[in-house]
Amino acid sequence: MNEDSSNQQPRGKKDVFADFDPDVKVRTKKMLMYFIIFAIVMLFGGFTSASS
């Protein structure tokens, strides 16, 4: 078996944060988490207000 091919990323996946600081990746993940939580809360609020 060729050991070099196991360490390479798949062709379809690309590290979009390769050229940025690691801090940018952390801030992006945190902002995405806040956005998803906000979207779930708003979705729940919409469902509860539509049912009354």
N, C-alpha and C. Protein backbone atom coordinates (compact mmCIF):
# COMPACT_ATOMS: atom_id res chain seq x y z
N MET A 1 0.83 -1.19 0.00
CA MET A 1 0.00 0.00 0.00
C MET A 1 0.87 1.25 0.00
N ASN A 2 0.36 2.28 -0.60
CA ASN A 2 1.07 3.55 -0.66
C ASN A 2 0.68 4.40 0.54
N GLU A 3 1.62 4.70 1.42
CA GLU A 3 1.32 5.45 2.64
C GLU A 3 1.13 6.93 2.38
N ASP A 4 1.69 7.45 1.29
CA ASP A 4 1.58 8.88 1.00
C ASP A 4 0.15 9.29 0.65
N SER A 5 -0.60 8.40 0.02
CA SER A 5 -1.95 8.77 -0.39
C SER A 5 -2.92 8.86 0.78
N SER A 6 -2.61 8.24 1.93
CA SER A 6 -3.52 8.27 3.07
C SER A 6 -3.49 9.63 3.78
N ASN A 7 -2.41 10.38 3.63
CA ASN A 7 -2.30 11.67 4.32
C ASN A 7 -2.87 12.83 3.50
N GLN A 8 -3.19 12.60 2.24
CA GLN A 8 -3.70 13.66 1.38
C GLN A 8 -5.19 13.84 1.57
N GLN A 9 -5.65 15.07 1.37
CA GLN A 9 -7.08 15.35 1.45
C GLN A 9 -7.76 14.85 0.19
N PRO A 10 -9.04 14.50 0.29
CA PRO A 10 -9.77 14.11 -0.93
C PRO A 10 -9.79 15.26 -1.94
N ARG A 11 -9.91 14.93 -3.20
CA ARG A 11 -9.85 15.96 -4.24
C ARG A 11 -11.01 16.95 -4.15
N GLY A 12 -12.18 16.49 -3.74
CA GLY A 12 -13.34 17.36 -3.67
C GLY A 12 -13.28 18.36 -2.53
N LYS A 13 -12.56 18.04 -1.46
CA LYS A 13 -12.49 18.93 -0.29
C LYS A 13 -11.27 19.82 -0.38
N LYS A 14 -11.48 21.09 -0.03
CA LYS A 14 -10.39 22.06 -0.06
C LYS A 14 -10.43 22.84 1.25
N ASP A 15 -9.29 23.05 1.86
CA ASP A 15 -9.23 23.81 3.10
C ASP A 15 -9.31 25.30 2.76
N VAL A 16 -10.49 25.89 3.02
CA VAL A 16 -10.68 27.30 2.67
C VAL A 16 -9.96 28.23 3.64
N PHE A 17 -9.55 27.72 4.79
CA PHE A 17 -8.85 28.54 5.78
C PHE A 17 -7.34 28.38 5.71
N ALA A 18 -6.83 27.79 4.64
CA ALA A 18 -5.39 27.52 4.54
C ALA A 18 -4.57 28.81 4.52
N ASP A 19 -5.08 29.87 3.92
CA ASP A 19 -4.32 31.11 3.78
C ASP A 19 -4.58 32.11 4.91
N PHE A 20 -5.42 31.74 5.88
CA PHE A 20 -5.79 32.66 6.95
C PHE A 20 -5.21 32.22 8.28
N ASP A 21 -5.24 33.13 9.25
CA ASP A 21 -4.80 32.79 10.61
C ASP A 21 -5.77 31.79 11.22
N PRO A 22 -5.31 30.97 12.16
CA PRO A 22 -6.23 30.05 12.84
C PRO A 22 -7.32 30.78 13.62
N ASP A 23 -7.05 32.01 14.03
CA ASP A 23 -8.04 32.80 14.77
C ASP A 23 -9.26 33.09 13.90
N VAL A 24 -9.06 33.26 12.61
CA VAL A 24 -10.18 33.52 11.69
C VAL A 24 -11.10 32.31 11.65
N LYS A 25 -10.54 31.12 11.66
CA LYS A 25 -11.34 29.89 11.64
C LYS A 25 -12.19 29.79 12.90
N VAL A 26 -11.62 30.12 14.06
CA VAL A 26 -12.35 30.06 15.32
C VAL A 26 -13.48 31.08 15.33
N ARG A 27 -13.20 32.31 14.89
CA ARG A 27 -14.25 33.34 14.87
C ARG A 27 -15.36 33.00 13.90
N THR A 28 -15.01 32.39 12.76
CA THR A 28 -16.02 32.01 11.79
C THR A 28 -16.92 30.92 12.33
N LYS A 29 -16.33 29.92 12.99
CA LYS A 29 -17.14 28.85 13.58
C LYS A 29 -18.06 29.39 14.67
N LYS A 30 -17.55 30.33 15.47
CA LYS A 30 -18.38 30.90 16.54
C LYS A 30 -19.54 31.71 15.96
N MET A 31 -19.28 32.50 14.93
CA MET A 31 -20.34 33.29 14.31
C MET A 31 -21.38 32.39 13.64
N LEU A 32 -20.94 31.32 13.02
CA LEU A 32 -21.86 30.37 12.41
C LEU A 32 -22.72 29.69 13.47
N MET A 33 -22.13 29.37 14.61
CA MET A 33 -22.89 28.77 15.71
C MET A 33 -23.95 29.73 16.23
N TYR A 34 -23.59 31.01 16.41
CA TYR A 34 -24.56 32.01 16.85
C TYR A 34 -25.69 32.16 15.84
N PHE A 35 -25.36 32.15 14.57
CA PHE A 35 -26.37 32.29 13.52
C PHE A 35 -27.35 31.11 13.52
N ILE A 36 -26.83 29.91 13.69
CA ILE A 36 -27.69 28.72 13.71
C ILE A 36 -28.59 28.73 14.93
N ILE A 37 -28.06 29.10 16.10
CA ILE A 37 -28.88 29.18 17.31
C ILE A 37 -29.97 30.23 17.13
N PHE A 38 -29.62 31.39 16.57
CA PHE A 38 -30.60 32.44 16.32
C PHE A 38 -31.69 31.96 15.37
N ALA A 39 -31.29 31.24 14.32
CA ALA A 39 -32.27 30.74 13.35
C ALA A 39 -33.22 29.73 13.98
N ILE A 40 -32.71 28.87 14.86
CA ILE A 40 -33.57 27.89 15.53
C ILE A 40 -34.54 28.58 16.48
N VAL A 41 -34.06 29.58 17.22
CA VAL A 41 -34.94 30.32 18.14
C VAL A 41 -36.03 31.05 17.36
N MET A 42 -35.67 31.68 16.25
CA MET A 42 -36.67 32.38 15.44
C MET A 42 -37.66 31.41 14.80
N LEU A 43 -37.19 30.25 14.41
CA LEU A 43 -38.08 29.23 13.84
C LEU A 43 -39.07 28.75 14.90
N PHE A 44 -38.59 28.50 16.10
CA PHE A 44 -39.46 28.08 17.19
C PHE A 44 -40.48 29.19 17.52
N GLY A 45 -40.03 30.44 17.54
CA GLY A 45 -40.94 31.55 17.79
C GLY A 45 -42.00 31.68 16.69
N GLY A 46 -41.62 31.44 15.46
CA GLY A 46 -42.58 31.49 14.37
C GLY A 46 -43.61 30.38 14.44
N PHE A 47 -43.17 29.20 14.82
CA PHE A 47 -44.11 28.08 14.95
C PHE A 47 -45.09 28.30 16.09
N THR A 48 -44.60 28.83 17.20
CA THR A 48 -45.50 29.03 18.34
C THR A 48 -46.47 30.18 18.10
N SER A 49 -46.05 31.23 17.40
CA SER A 49 -46.96 32.34 17.16
C SER A 49 -47.97 32.01 16.06
N ALA A 50 -47.63 31.12 15.16
CA ALA A 50 -48.53 30.75 14.07
C ALA A 50 -49.62 29.80 14.55
N SER A 51 -49.38 29.12 15.65
CA SER A 51 -50.36 28.13 16.12
C SER A 51 -51.46 28.77 16.95
N SER A 52 -51.31 29.99 17.38
CA SER A 52 -52.36 30.60 18.22
C SER A 52 -53.33 31.46 17.43
